[in-house]
Amino acid sequence: MPPGPKPLGERAMTVAERQARYRAAHAADTAGTVKVRYRRPADRRSRPQRWRDAVAELLELQADYQQWLDALPESLADTPTADALRAVCDLDLSGLEVDPPRGFGRDG
């Protein structure tokens, strides 16, 4: 068996000293706070439904960006922001509005 780590002082710590150091280190980490961890709920939607929702979200965002572009003052018409808004608004998203294949005989 390989030797363990070198002692921090002149002698190796006892089990009680090691346990006290461990507890002190972990008490400083938590400091009376409680960590609550939540699991993300599973997405139960089918793939076609997720696709339709994503396309609807993209179309809604594109409409919002068009409103933003229309509301820009003339002084900001040649800015990088306006160029980016135009690029987003010029995207043709109509080809995304298709029903993806269901697969494995699930037609309903």
PDB file of N, CA and C in Angstrom:
ATOM      1  N   MET A   1       0.851  -1.176   0.000  1.00  0.00           N
ATOM      2  CA  MET A   1       0.000   0.000   0.000  1.00  0.00           C
ATOM      3  C   MET A   1       0.898   1.240   0.000  1.00  0.00           C
ATOM      4  N   PRO A   2       0.595   2.246  -0.853  1.00  0.00           N
ATOM      5  CA  PRO A   2       1.434   3.439  -0.895  1.00  0.00           C
ATOM      6  C   PRO A   2       1.257   4.263   0.378  1.00  0.00           C
ATOM      7  N   PRO A   3       2.272   5.001   0.734  1.00  0.00           N
ATOM      8  CA  PRO A   3       2.160   5.823   1.940  1.00  0.00           C
ATOM      9  C   PRO A   3       1.146   6.943   1.735  1.00  0.00           C
ATOM     10  N   GLY A   4       0.527   7.395   2.798  1.00  0.00           N
ATOM     11  CA  GLY A   4      -0.466   8.461   2.742  1.00  0.00           C
ATOM     12  C   GLY A   4       0.201   9.822   2.642  1.00  0.00           C
ATOM     13  N   PRO A   5      -0.594  10.871   2.728  1.00  0.00           N
ATOM     14  CA  PRO A   5      -0.030  12.213   2.633  1.00  0.00           C
ATOM     15  C   PRO A   5       0.847  12.532   3.843  1.00  0.00           C
ATOM     16  N   LYS A   6       1.778  13.434   3.645  1.00  0.00           N
ATOM     17  CA  LYS A   6       2.670  13.845   4.730  1.00  0.00           C
ATOM     18  C   LYS A   6       1.881  14.606   5.780  1.00  0.00           C
ATOM     19  N   PRO A   7       2.230  14.482   7.043  1.00  0.00           N
ATOM     20  CA  PRO A   7       1.533  15.214   8.097  1.00  0.00           C
ATOM     21  C   PRO A   7       1.721  16.725   7.932  1.00  0.00           C
ATOM     22  N   LEU A   8       0.707  17.490   8.363  1.00  0.00           N
ATOM     23  CA  LEU A   8       0.797  18.942   8.280  1.00  0.00           C
ATOM     24  C   LEU A   8       1.712  19.498   9.373  1.00  0.00           C
ATOM     25  N   GLY A   9       1.757  18.862  10.483  1.00  0.00           N
ATOM     26  CA  GLY A   9       2.605  19.313  11.592  1.00  0.00           C
ATOM     27  C   GLY A   9       3.769  18.359  11.788  1.00  0.00           C
ATOM     28  N   GLU A  10       4.205  18.261  13.048  1.00  0.00           N
ATOM     29  CA  GLU A  10       5.330  17.375  13.346  1.00  0.00           C
ATOM     30  C   GLU A  10       4.900  15.915  13.405  1.00  0.00           C
ATOM     31  N   ARG A  11       3.627  15.696  13.688  1.00  0.00           N
ATOM     32  CA  ARG A  11       3.137  14.328  13.796  1.00  0.00           C
ATOM     33  C   ARG A  11       1.831  14.199  13.012  1.00  0.00           C
ATOM     34  N   ALA A  12       1.456  12.977  12.741  1.00  0.00           N
ATOM     35  CA  ALA A  12       0.210  12.718  12.036  1.00  0.00           C
ATOM     36  C   ALA A  12      -0.975  13.031  12.942  1.00  0.00           C
ATOM     37  N   MET A  13      -2.085  13.475  12.340  1.00  0.00           N
ATOM     38  CA  MET A  13      -3.267  13.798  13.132  1.00  0.00           C
ATOM     39  C   MET A  13      -3.942  12.515  13.595  1.00  0.00           C
ATOM     40  N   THR A  14      -4.588  12.625  14.732  1.00  0.00           N
ATOM     41  CA  THR A  14      -5.370  11.494  15.208  1.00  0.00           C
ATOM     42  C   THR A  14      -6.693  11.479  14.439  1.00  0.00           C
ATOM     43  N   VAL A  15      -7.436  10.409  14.594  1.00  0.00           N
ATOM     44  CA  VAL A  15      -8.729  10.295  13.938  1.00  0.00           C
ATOM     45  C   VAL A  15      -9.668  11.397  14.423  1.00  0.00           C
ATOM     46  N   ALA A  16      -9.646  11.699  15.713  1.00  0.00           N
ATOM     47  CA  ALA A  16     -10.515  12.740  16.271  1.00  0.00           C
ATOM     48  C   ALA A  16     -10.148  14.111  15.708  1.00  0.00           C
ATOM     49  N   GLU A  17      -8.847  14.378  15.566  1.00  0.00           N
ATOM     50  CA  GLU A  17      -8.419  15.667  15.009  1.00  0.00           C
ATOM     51  C   GLU A  17      -8.835  15.790  13.534  1.00  0.00           C
ATOM     52  N   ARG A  18      -8.681  14.718  12.800  1.00  0.00           N
ATOM     53  CA  ARG A  18      -9.056  14.722  11.397  1.00  0.00           C
ATOM     54  C   ARG A  18     -10.561  14.946  11.244  1.00  0.00           C
ATOM     55  N   GLN A  19     -11.351  14.288  12.110  1.00  0.00           N
ATOM     56  CA  GLN A  19     -12.801  14.449  12.059  1.00  0.00           C
ATOM     57  C   GLN A  19     -13.203  15.873  12.430  1.00  0.00           C
ATOM     58  N   ALA A  20     -12.554  16.456  13.412  1.00  0.00           N
ATOM     59  CA  ALA A  20     -12.863  17.831  13.817  1.00  0.00           C
ATOM     60  C   ALA A  20     -12.539  18.804  12.682  1.00  0.00           C
ATOM     61  N   ARG A  21     -11.421  18.590  11.991  1.00  0.00           N
ATOM     62  CA  ARG A  21     -11.056  19.456  10.874  1.00  0.00           C
ATOM     63  C   ARG A  21     -12.075  19.315   9.739  1.00  0.00           C
ATOM     64  N   TYR A  22     -12.508  18.101   9.465  1.00  0.00           N
ATOM     65  CA  TYR A  22     -13.503  17.853   8.422  1.00  0.00           C
ATOM     66  C   TYR A  22     -14.814  18.566   8.751  1.00  0.00           C
ATOM     67  N   ARG A  23     -15.285  18.424   9.979  1.00  0.00           N
ATOM     68  CA  ARG A  23     -16.547  19.057  10.381  1.00  0.00           C
ATOM     69  C   ARG A  23     -16.448  20.569  10.337  1.00  0.00           C
ATOM     70  N   ALA A  24     -15.312  21.129  10.742  1.00  0.00           N
ATOM     71  CA  ALA A  24     -15.133  22.581  10.717  1.00  0.00           C
ATOM     72  C   ALA A  24     -15.137  23.094   9.280  1.00  0.00           C
ATOM     73  N   ALA A  25     -14.507  22.370   8.382  1.00  0.00           N
ATOM     74  CA  ALA A  25     -14.474  22.791   6.979  1.00  0.00           C
ATOM     75  C   ALA A  25     -15.863  22.745   6.366  1.00  0.00           C
ATOM     76  N   HIS A  26     -16.627  21.721   6.675  1.00  0.00           N
ATOM     77  CA  HIS A  26     -17.962  21.611   6.100  1.00  0.00           C
ATOM     78  C   HIS A  26     -18.953  22.550   6.772  1.00  0.00           C
ATOM     79  N   ALA A  27     -18.733  22.895   8.008  1.00  0.00           N
ATOM     80  CA  ALA A  27     -19.601  23.856   8.678  1.00  0.00           C
ATOM     81  C   ALA A  27     -19.392  25.235   8.073  1.00  0.00           C
ATOM     82  N   ALA A  28     -18.177  25.552   7.682  1.00  0.00           N
ATOM     83  CA  ALA A  28     -17.897  26.844   7.062  1.00  0.00           C
ATOM     84  C   ALA A  28     -18.536  26.913   5.679  1.00  0.00           C
ATOM     85  N   ASP A  29     -18.605  25.790   4.963  1.00  0.00           N
ATOM     86  CA  ASP A  29     -19.202  25.776   3.629  1.00  0.00           C
ATOM     87  C   ASP A  29     -20.704  26.033   3.688  1.00  0.00           C
ATOM     88  N   THR A  30     -21.386  25.364   4.574  1.00  0.00           N
ATOM     89  CA  THR A  30     -22.839  25.498   4.623  1.00  0.00           C
ATOM     90  C   THR A  30     -23.257  26.769   5.346  1.00  0.00           C
ATOM     91  N   ALA A  31     -22.655  27.101   6.440  1.00  0.00           N
ATOM     92  CA  ALA A  31     -22.923  28.328   7.195  1.00  0.00           C
ATOM     93  C   ALA A  31     -24.419  28.553   7.406  1.00  0.00           C
ATOM     94  N   GLY A  32     -25.138  27.510   7.721  1.00  0.00           N
ATOM     95  CA  GLY A  32     -26.554  27.637   8.032  1.00  0.00           C
ATOM     96  C   GLY A  32     -27.462  27.733   6.819  1.00  0.00           C
ATOM     97  N   THR A  33     -26.939  27.599   5.635  1.00  0.00           N
ATOM     98  CA  THR A  33     -27.792  27.665   4.453  1.00  0.00           C
ATOM     99  C   THR A  33     -28.232  26.261   4.071  1.00  0.00           C
ATOM    100  N   VAL A  34     -29.410  26.186   3.541  1.00  0.00           N
ATOM    101  CA  VAL A  34     -29.945  24.919   3.094  1.00  0.00           C
ATOM    102  C   VAL A  34     -29.951  24.935   1.568  1.00  0.00           C
ATOM    103  N   LYS A  35     -29.350  23.934   0.972  1.00  0.00           N
ATOM    104  CA  LYS A  35     -29.339  23.847  -0.474  1.00  0.00           C
ATOM    105  C   LYS A  35     -30.525  23.010  -0.917  1.00  0.00           C
ATOM    106  N   VAL A  36     -31.380  23.621  -1.722  1.00  0.00           N
ATOM    107  CA  VAL A  36     -32.543  22.931  -2.264  1.00  0.00           C
ATOM    108  C   VAL A  36     -32.287  22.728  -3.745  1.00  0.00           C
ATOM    109  N   ARG A  37     -32.361  21.510  -4.186  1.00  0.00           N
ATOM    110  CA  ARG A  37     -32.122  21.211  -5.588  1.00  0.00           C
ATOM    111  C   ARG A  37     -33.415  20.717  -6.217  1.00  0.00           C
ATOM    112  N   TYR A  38     -33.781  21.356  -7.304  1.00  0.00           N
ATOM    113  CA  TYR A  38     -34.997  20.999  -8.002  1.00  0.00           C
ATOM    114  C   TYR A  38     -34.655  20.266  -9.290  1.00  0.00           C
ATOM    115  N   ARG A  39     -35.430  19.276  -9.590  1.00  0.00           N
ATOM    116  CA  ARG A  39     -35.291  18.594 -10.876  1.00  0.00           C
ATOM    117  C   ARG A  39     -36.195  19.280 -11.880  1.00  0.00           C
ATOM    118  N   ARG A  40     -35.675  19.457 -13.088  1.00  0.00           N
ATOM    119  CA  ARG A  40     -36.521  19.999 -14.140  1.00  0.00           C
ATOM    120  C   ARG A  40     -37.565  18.967 -14.511  1.00  0.00           C
ATOM    121  N   PRO A  41     -38.798  19.414 -14.658  1.00  0.00           N
ATOM    122  CA  PRO A  41     -39.819  18.438 -15.050  1.00  0.00           C
ATOM    123  C   PRO A  41     -39.551  17.930 -16.463  1.00  0.00           C
ATOM    124  N   ALA A  42     -39.866  16.687 -16.674  1.00  0.00           N
ATOM    125  CA  ALA A  42     -39.660  16.076 -17.981  1.00  0.00           C
ATOM    126  C   ALA A  42     -40.611  16.702 -18.993  1.00  0.00           C
ATOM    127  N   ASP A  43     -40.110  16.931 -20.182  1.00  0.00           N
ATOM    128  CA  ASP A  43     -40.936  17.480 -21.252  1.00  0.00           C
ATOM    129  C   ASP A  43     -41.720  16.327 -21.869  1.00  0.00           C
ATOM    130  N   ARG A  44     -43.023  16.318 -21.664  1.00  0.00           N
ATOM    131  CA  ARG A  44     -43.865  15.203 -22.097  1.00  0.00           C
ATOM    132  C   ARG A  44     -44.462  15.418 -23.488  1.00  0.00           C
ATOM    133  N   ARG A  45     -44.120  16.543 -24.133  1.00  0.00           N
ATOM    134  CA  ARG A  45     -44.679  16.794 -25.458  1.00  0.00           C
ATOM    135  C   ARG A  45     -44.021  15.879 -26.483  1.00  0.00           C
ATOM    136  N   SER A  46     -44.766  15.559 -27.525  1.00  0.00           N
ATOM    137  CA  SER A  46     -44.212  14.753 -28.606  1.00  0.00           C
ATOM    138  C   SER A  46     -43.264  15.626 -29.437  1.00  0.00           C
ATOM    139  N   ARG A  47     -42.448  14.982 -30.246  1.00  0.00           N
ATOM    140  CA  ARG A  47     -41.527  15.738 -31.098  1.00  0.00           C
ATOM    141  C   ARG A  47     -42.264  16.667 -32.059  1.00  0.00           C
ATOM    142  N   PRO A  48     -43.325  16.179 -32.727  1.00  0.00           N
ATOM    143  CA  PRO A  48     -44.045  17.114 -33.608  1.00  0.00           C
ATOM    144  C   PRO A  48     -44.619  18.319 -32.859  1.00  0.00           C
ATOM    145  N   GLN A  49     -45.112  18.096 -31.652  1.00  0.00           N
ATOM    146  CA  GLN A  49     -45.654  19.215 -30.879  1.00  0.00           C
ATOM    147  C   GLN A  49     -44.543  20.168 -30.473  1.00  0.00           C
ATOM    148  N   ARG A  50     -43.388  19.643 -30.085  1.00  0.00           N
ATOM    149  CA  ARG A  50     -42.245  20.502 -29.740  1.00  0.00           C
ATOM    150  C   ARG A  50     -41.806  21.301 -30.960  1.00  0.00           C
ATOM    151  N   TRP A  51     -41.819  20.676 -32.165  1.00  0.00           N
ATOM    152  CA  TRP A  51     -41.461  21.362 -33.400  1.00  0.00           C
ATOM    153  C   TRP A  51     -42.426  22.516 -33.672  1.00  0.00           C
ATOM    154  N   ARG A  52     -43.744  22.225 -33.573  1.00  0.00           N
ATOM    155  CA  ARG A  52     -44.733  23.274 -33.822  1.00  0.00           C
ATOM    156  C   ARG A  52     -44.580  24.419 -32.824  1.00  0.00           C
ATOM    157  N   ASP A  53     -44.322  24.093 -31.561  1.00  0.00           N
ATOM    158  CA  ASP A  53     -44.134  25.133 -30.545  1.00  0.00           C
ATOM    159  C   ASP A  53     -42.895  25.976 -30.834  1.00  0.00           C
ATOM    160  N   ALA A  54     -41.804  25.328 -31.269  1.00  0.00           N
ATOM    161  CA  ALA A  54     -40.577  26.056 -31.572  1.00  0.00           C
ATOM    162  C   ALA A  54     -40.769  26.980 -32.773  1.00  0.00           C
ATOM    163  N   VAL A  55     -41.448  26.497 -33.803  1.00  0.00           N
ATOM    164  CA  VAL A  55     -41.699  27.330 -34.985  1.00  0.00           C
ATOM    165  C   VAL A  55     -42.595  28.506 -34.614  1.00  0.00           C
ATOM    166  N   ALA A  56     -43.616  28.266 -33.812  1.00  0.00           N
ATOM    167  CA  ALA A  56     -44.500  29.351 -33.375  1.00  0.00           C
ATOM    168  C   ALA A  56     -43.715  30.397 -32.580  1.00  0.00           C
ATOM    169  N   GLU A  57     -42.809  29.942 -31.730  1.00  0.00           N
ATOM    170  CA  GLU A  57     -41.973  30.866 -30.952  1.00  0.00           C
ATOM    171  C   GLU A  57     -41.076  31.697 -31.868  1.00  0.00           C
ATOM    172  N   LEU A  58     -40.481  31.054 -32.879  1.00  0.00           N
ATOM    173  CA  LEU A  58     -39.635  31.790 -33.825  1.00  0.00           C
ATOM    174  C   LEU A  58     -40.433  32.835 -34.595  1.00  0.00           C
ATOM    175  N   LEU A  59     -41.625  32.471 -35.035  1.00  0.00           N
ATOM    176  CA  LEU A  59     -42.456  33.424 -35.772  1.00  0.00           C
ATOM    177  C   LEU A  59     -42.873  34.592 -34.887  1.00  0.00           C
ATOM    178  N   GLU A  60     -43.177  34.298 -33.641  1.00  0.00           N
ATOM    179  CA  GLU A  60     -43.544  35.355 -32.697  1.00  0.00           C
ATOM    180  C   GLU A  60     -42.365  36.291 -32.434  1.00  0.00           C
ATOM    181  N   LEU A  61     -41.178  35.712 -32.267  1.00  0.00           N
ATOM    182  CA  LEU A  61     -39.987  36.542 -32.070  1.00  0.00           C
ATOM    183  C   LEU A  61     -39.695  37.389 -33.299  1.00  0.00           C
ATOM    184  N   GLN A  62     -39.853  36.824 -34.483  1.00  0.00           N
ATOM    185  CA  GLN A  62     -39.604  37.577 -35.701  1.00  0.00           C
ATOM    186  C   GLN A  62     -40.578  38.757 -35.803  1.00  0.00           C
ATOM    187  N   ALA A  63     -41.823  38.557 -35.413  1.00  0.00           N
ATOM    188  CA  ALA A  63     -42.802  39.651 -35.427  1.00  0.00           C
ATOM    189  C   ALA A  63     -42.413  40.731 -34.426  1.00  0.00           C
ATOM    190  N   ASP A  64     -41.927  40.322 -33.254  1.00  0.00           N
ATOM    191  CA  ASP A  64     -41.471  41.291 -32.255  1.00  0.00           C
ATOM    192  C   ASP A  64     -40.287  42.102 -32.777  1.00  0.00           C
ATOM    193  N   TYR A  65     -39.354  41.415 -33.446  1.00  0.00           N
ATOM    194  CA  TYR A  65     -38.198  42.124 -33.999  1.00  0.00           C
ATOM    195  C   TYR A  65     -38.629  43.075 -35.118  1.00  0.00           C
ATOM    196  N   GLN A  66     -39.633  42.710 -35.897  1.00  0.00           N
ATOM    197  CA  GLN A  66     -40.140  43.597 -36.945  1.00  0.00           C
ATOM    198  C   GLN A  66     -40.737  44.854 -36.332  1.00  0.00           C
ATOM    199  N   GLN A  67     -41.487  44.695 -35.241  1.00  0.00           N
ATOM    200  CA  GLN A  67     -42.047  45.862 -34.543  1.00  0.00           C
ATOM    201  C   GLN A  67     -40.932  46.753 -34.006  1.00  0.00           C
ATOM    202  N   TRP A  68     -39.888  46.143 -33.473  1.00  0.00           N
ATOM    203  CA  TRP A  68     -38.762  46.892 -32.957  1.00  0.00           C
ATOM    204  C   TRP A  68     -38.092  47.670 -34.092  1.00  0.00           C
ATOM    205  N   LEU A  69     -37.897  47.008 -35.238  1.00  0.00           N
ATOM    206  CA  LEU A  69     -37.271  47.661 -36.384  1.00  0.00           C
ATOM    207  C   LEU A  69     -38.137  48.812 -36.887  1.00  0.00           C
ATOM    208  N   ASP A  70     -39.442  48.611 -36.934  1.00  0.00           N
ATOM    209  CA  ASP A  70     -40.344  49.667 -37.392  1.00  0.00           C
ATOM    210  C   ASP A  70     -40.349  50.862 -36.442  1.00  0.00           C
ATOM    211  N   ALA A  71     -40.096  50.620 -35.163  1.00  0.00           N
ATOM    212  CA  ALA A  71     -40.129  51.693 -34.166  1.00  0.00           C
ATOM    213  C   ALA A  71     -38.800  52.419 -34.024  1.00  0.00           C
ATOM    214  N   LEU A  72     -37.751  51.952 -34.703  1.00  0.00           N
ATOM    215  CA  LEU A  72     -36.449  52.611 -34.594  1.00  0.00           C
ATOM    216  C   LEU A  72     -36.512  54.004 -35.216  1.00  0.00           C
ATOM    217  N   PRO A  73     -35.924  54.982 -34.550  1.00  0.00           N
ATOM    218  CA  PRO A  73     -35.880  56.312 -35.152  1.00  0.00           C
ATOM    219  C   PRO A  73     -34.918  56.344 -36.349  1.00  0.00           C
ATOM    220  N   GLU A  74     -35.084  57.337 -37.197  1.00  0.00           N
ATOM    221  CA  GLU A  74     -34.249  57.464 -38.393  1.00  0.00           C
ATOM    222  C   GLU A  74     -32.772  57.589 -38.053  1.00  0.00           C
ATOM    223  N   SER A  75     -32.464  58.173 -36.905  1.00  0.00           N
ATOM    224  CA  SER A  75     -31.059  58.360 -36.537  1.00  0.00           C
ATOM    225  C   SER A  75     -30.349  57.032 -36.268  1.00  0.00           C
ATOM    226  N   LEU A  76     -31.104  55.968 -36.001  1.00  0.00           N
ATOM    227  CA  LEU A  76     -30.511  54.656 -35.720  1.00  0.00           C
ATOM    228  C   LEU A  76     -30.665  53.684 -36.889  1.00  0.00           C
ATOM    229  N   ALA A  77     -31.039  54.184 -38.054  1.00  0.00           N
ATOM    230  CA  ALA A  77     -31.317  53.305 -39.189  1.00  0.00           C
ATOM    231  C   ALA A  77     -30.060  52.636 -39.737  1.00  0.00           C
ATOM    232  N   ASP A  78     -28.899  53.244 -39.545  1.00  0.00           N
ATOM    233  CA  ASP A  78     -27.657  52.682 -40.094  1.00  0.00           C
ATOM    234  C   ASP A  78     -26.751  52.104 -39.015  1.00  0.00           C
ATOM    235  N   THR A  79     -27.310  51.674 -37.915  1.00  0.00           N
ATOM    236  CA  THR A  79     -26.510  51.123 -36.816  1.00  0.00           C
ATOM    237  C   THR A  79     -26.434  49.601 -36.942  1.00  0.00           C
ATOM    238  N   PRO A  80     -25.477  48.978 -36.262  1.00  0.00           N
ATOM    239  CA  PRO A  80     -25.407  47.508 -36.274  1.00  0.00           C
ATOM    240  C   PRO A  80     -26.669  46.845 -35.721  1.00  0.00           C
ATOM    241  N   THR A  81     -27.330  47.501 -34.782  1.00  0.00           N
ATOM    242  CA  THR A  81     -28.577  46.945 -34.238  1.00  0.00           C
ATOM    243  C   THR A  81     -29.642  46.862 -35.322  1.00  0.00           C
ATOM    244  N   ALA A  82     -29.766  47.922 -36.115  1.00  0.00           N
ATOM    245  CA  ALA A  82     -30.759  47.918 -37.196  1.00  0.00           C
ATOM    246  C   ALA A  82     -30.401  46.876 -38.248  1.00  0.00           C
ATOM    247  N   ASP A  83     -29.112  46.728 -38.527  1.00  0.00           N
ATOM    248  CA  ASP A  83     -28.695  45.703 -39.495  1.00  0.00           C
ATOM    249  C   ASP A  83     -29.046  44.304 -39.007  1.00  0.00           C
ATOM    250  N   ALA A  84     -28.822  44.049 -37.719  1.00  0.00           N
ATOM    251  CA  ALA A  84     -29.150  42.739 -37.156  1.00  0.00           C
ATOM    252  C   ALA A  84     -30.660  42.503 -37.178  1.00  0.00           C
ATOM    253  N   LEU A  85     -31.425  43.536 -36.853  1.00  0.00           N
ATOM    254  CA  LEU A  85     -32.885  43.399 -36.886  1.00  0.00           C
ATOM    255  C   LEU A  85     -33.371  43.114 -38.312  1.00  0.00           C
ATOM    256  N   ARG A  86     -32.789  43.789 -39.308  1.00  0.00           N
ATOM    257  CA  ARG A  86     -33.164  43.538 -40.690  1.00  0.00           C
ATOM    258  C   ARG A  86     -32.833  42.112 -41.105  1.00  0.00           C
ATOM    259  N   ALA A  87     -31.671  41.623 -40.653  1.00  0.00           N
ATOM    260  CA  ALA A  87     -31.267  40.255 -40.998  1.00  0.00           C
ATOM    261  C   ALA A  87     -32.246  39.237 -40.421  1.00  0.00           C
ATOM    262  N   VAL A  88     -32.696  39.469 -39.195  1.00  0.00           N
ATOM    263  CA  VAL A  88     -33.658  38.546 -38.577  1.00  0.00           C
ATOM    264  C   VAL A  88     -35.004  38.639 -39.292  1.00  0.00           C
ATOM    265  N   CYS A  89     -35.410  39.844 -39.633  1.00  0.00           N
ATOM    266  CA  CYS A  89     -36.711  40.022 -40.281  1.00  0.00           C
ATOM    267  C   CYS A  89     -36.715  39.506 -41.710  1.00  0.00           C
ATOM    268  N   ASP A  90     -35.553  39.477 -42.358  1.00  0.00           N
ATOM    269  CA  ASP A  90     -35.474  38.991 -43.741  1.00  0.00           C
ATOM    270  C   ASP A  90     -35.440  37.473 -43.845  1.00  0.00           C
ATOM    271  N   LEU A  91     -35.280  36.774 -42.730  1.00  0.00           N
ATOM    272  CA  LEU A  91     -35.254  35.308 -42.767  1.00  0.00           C
ATOM    273  C   LEU A  91     -36.621  34.779 -43.197  1.00  0.00           C
ATOM    274  N   ASP A  92     -36.619  33.807 -44.077  1.00  0.00           N
ATOM    275  CA  ASP A  92     -37.866  33.189 -44.533  1.00  0.00           C
ATOM    276  C   ASP A  92     -38.140  31.966 -43.662  1.00  0.00           C
ATOM    277  N   LEU A  93     -39.037  32.126 -42.718  1.00  0.00           N
ATOM    278  CA  LEU A  93     -39.363  31.036 -41.795  1.00  0.00           C
ATOM    279  C   LEU A  93     -40.583  30.243 -42.237  1.00  0.00           C
ATOM    280  N   SER A  94     -41.123  30.567 -43.395  1.00  0.00           N
ATOM    281  CA  SER A  94     -42.328  29.867 -43.845  1.00  0.00           C
ATOM    282  C   SER A  94     -42.040  28.400 -44.168  1.00  0.00           C
ATOM    283  N   GLY A  95     -40.809  28.068 -44.530  1.00  0.00           N
ATOM    284  CA  GLY A  95     -40.466  26.686 -44.839  1.00  0.00           C
ATOM    285  C   GLY A  95     -40.417  25.796 -43.605  1.00  0.00           C
ATOM    286  N   LEU A  96     -40.416  26.410 -42.431  1.00  0.00           N
ATOM    287  CA  LEU A  96     -40.372  25.620 -41.199  1.00  0.00           C
ATOM    288  C   LEU A  96     -41.742  25.121 -40.776  1.00  0.00           C
ATOM    289  N   GLU A  97     -42.782  25.653 -41.372  1.00  0.00           N
ATOM    290  CA  GLU A  97     -44.142  25.289 -40.965  1.00  0.00           C
ATOM    291  C   GLU A  97     -44.596  24.016 -41.677  1.00  0.00           C
ATOM    292  N   VAL A  98     -43.899  22.947 -41.438  1.00  0.00           N
ATOM    293  CA  VAL A  98     -44.249  21.635 -41.989  1.00  0.00           C
ATOM    294  C   VAL A  98     -44.430  20.673 -40.827  1.00  0.00           C
ATOM    295  N   ASP A  99     -45.153  19.602 -41.061  1.00  0.00           N
ATOM    296  CA  ASP A  99     -45.291  18.581 -40.031  1.00  0.00           C
ATOM    297  C   ASP A  99     -44.146  17.575 -40.199  1.00  0.00           C
ATOM    298  N   PRO A 100     -43.317  17.431 -39.187  1.00  0.00           N
ATOM    299  CA  PRO A 100     -42.226  16.467 -39.291  1.00  0.00           C
ATOM    300  C   PRO A 100     -42.766  15.033 -39.272  1.00  0.00           C
ATOM    301  N   PRO A 101     -41.992  14.072 -39.754  1.00  0.00           N
ATOM    302  CA  PRO A 101     -42.480  12.701 -39.767  1.00  0.00           C
ATOM    303  C   PRO A 101     -42.664  12.174 -38.359  1.00  0.00           C
ATOM    304  N   ARG A 102     -43.651  11.327 -38.186  1.00  0.00           N
ATOM    305  CA  ARG A 102     -43.935  10.754 -36.880  1.00  0.00           C
ATOM    306  C   ARG A 102     -43.043   9.560 -36.595  1.00  0.00           C
ATOM    307  N   GLY A 103     -42.887   8.687 -37.562  1.00  0.00           N
ATOM    308  CA  GLY A 103     -42.004   7.532 -37.407  1.00  0.00           C
ATOM    309  C   GLY A 103     -42.657   6.341 -36.757  1.00  0.00           C
ATOM    310  N   PHE A 104     -42.224   5.171 -37.145  1.00  0.00           N
ATOM    311  CA  PHE A 104     -42.620   3.894 -36.569  1.00  0.00           C
ATOM    312  C   PHE A 104     -44.125   3.671 -36.570  1.00  0.00           C
ATOM    313  N   GLY A 105     -44.829   4.140 -37.611  1.00  0.00           N
ATOM    314  CA  GLY A 105     -46.239   3.851 -37.758  1.00  0.00           C
ATOM    315  C   GLY A 105     -47.177   4.652 -36.887  1.00  0.00           C
ATOM    316  N   ARG A 106     -46.680   5.662 -36.177  1.00  0.00           N
ATOM    317  CA  ARG A 106     -47.561   6.478 -35.323  1.00  0.00           C
ATOM    318  C   ARG A 106     -48.089   7.618 -36.160  1.00  0.00           C
ATOM    319  N   ASP A 107     -49.260   7.430 -36.725  1.00  0.00           N
ATOM    320  CA  ASP A 107     -49.837   8.454 -37.592  1.00  0.00           C
ATOM    321  C   ASP A 107     -50.885   9.284 -36.878  1.00  0.00           C
ATOM    322  N   GLY A 108     -51.233   8.972 -35.667  1.00  0.00           N
ATOM    323  CA  GLY A 108     -52.328   9.666 -35.005  1.00  0.00           C
ATOM    324  C   GLY A 108     -51.973  10.622 -34.002  1.00  0.00           C
TER     325      GLY A 108
END
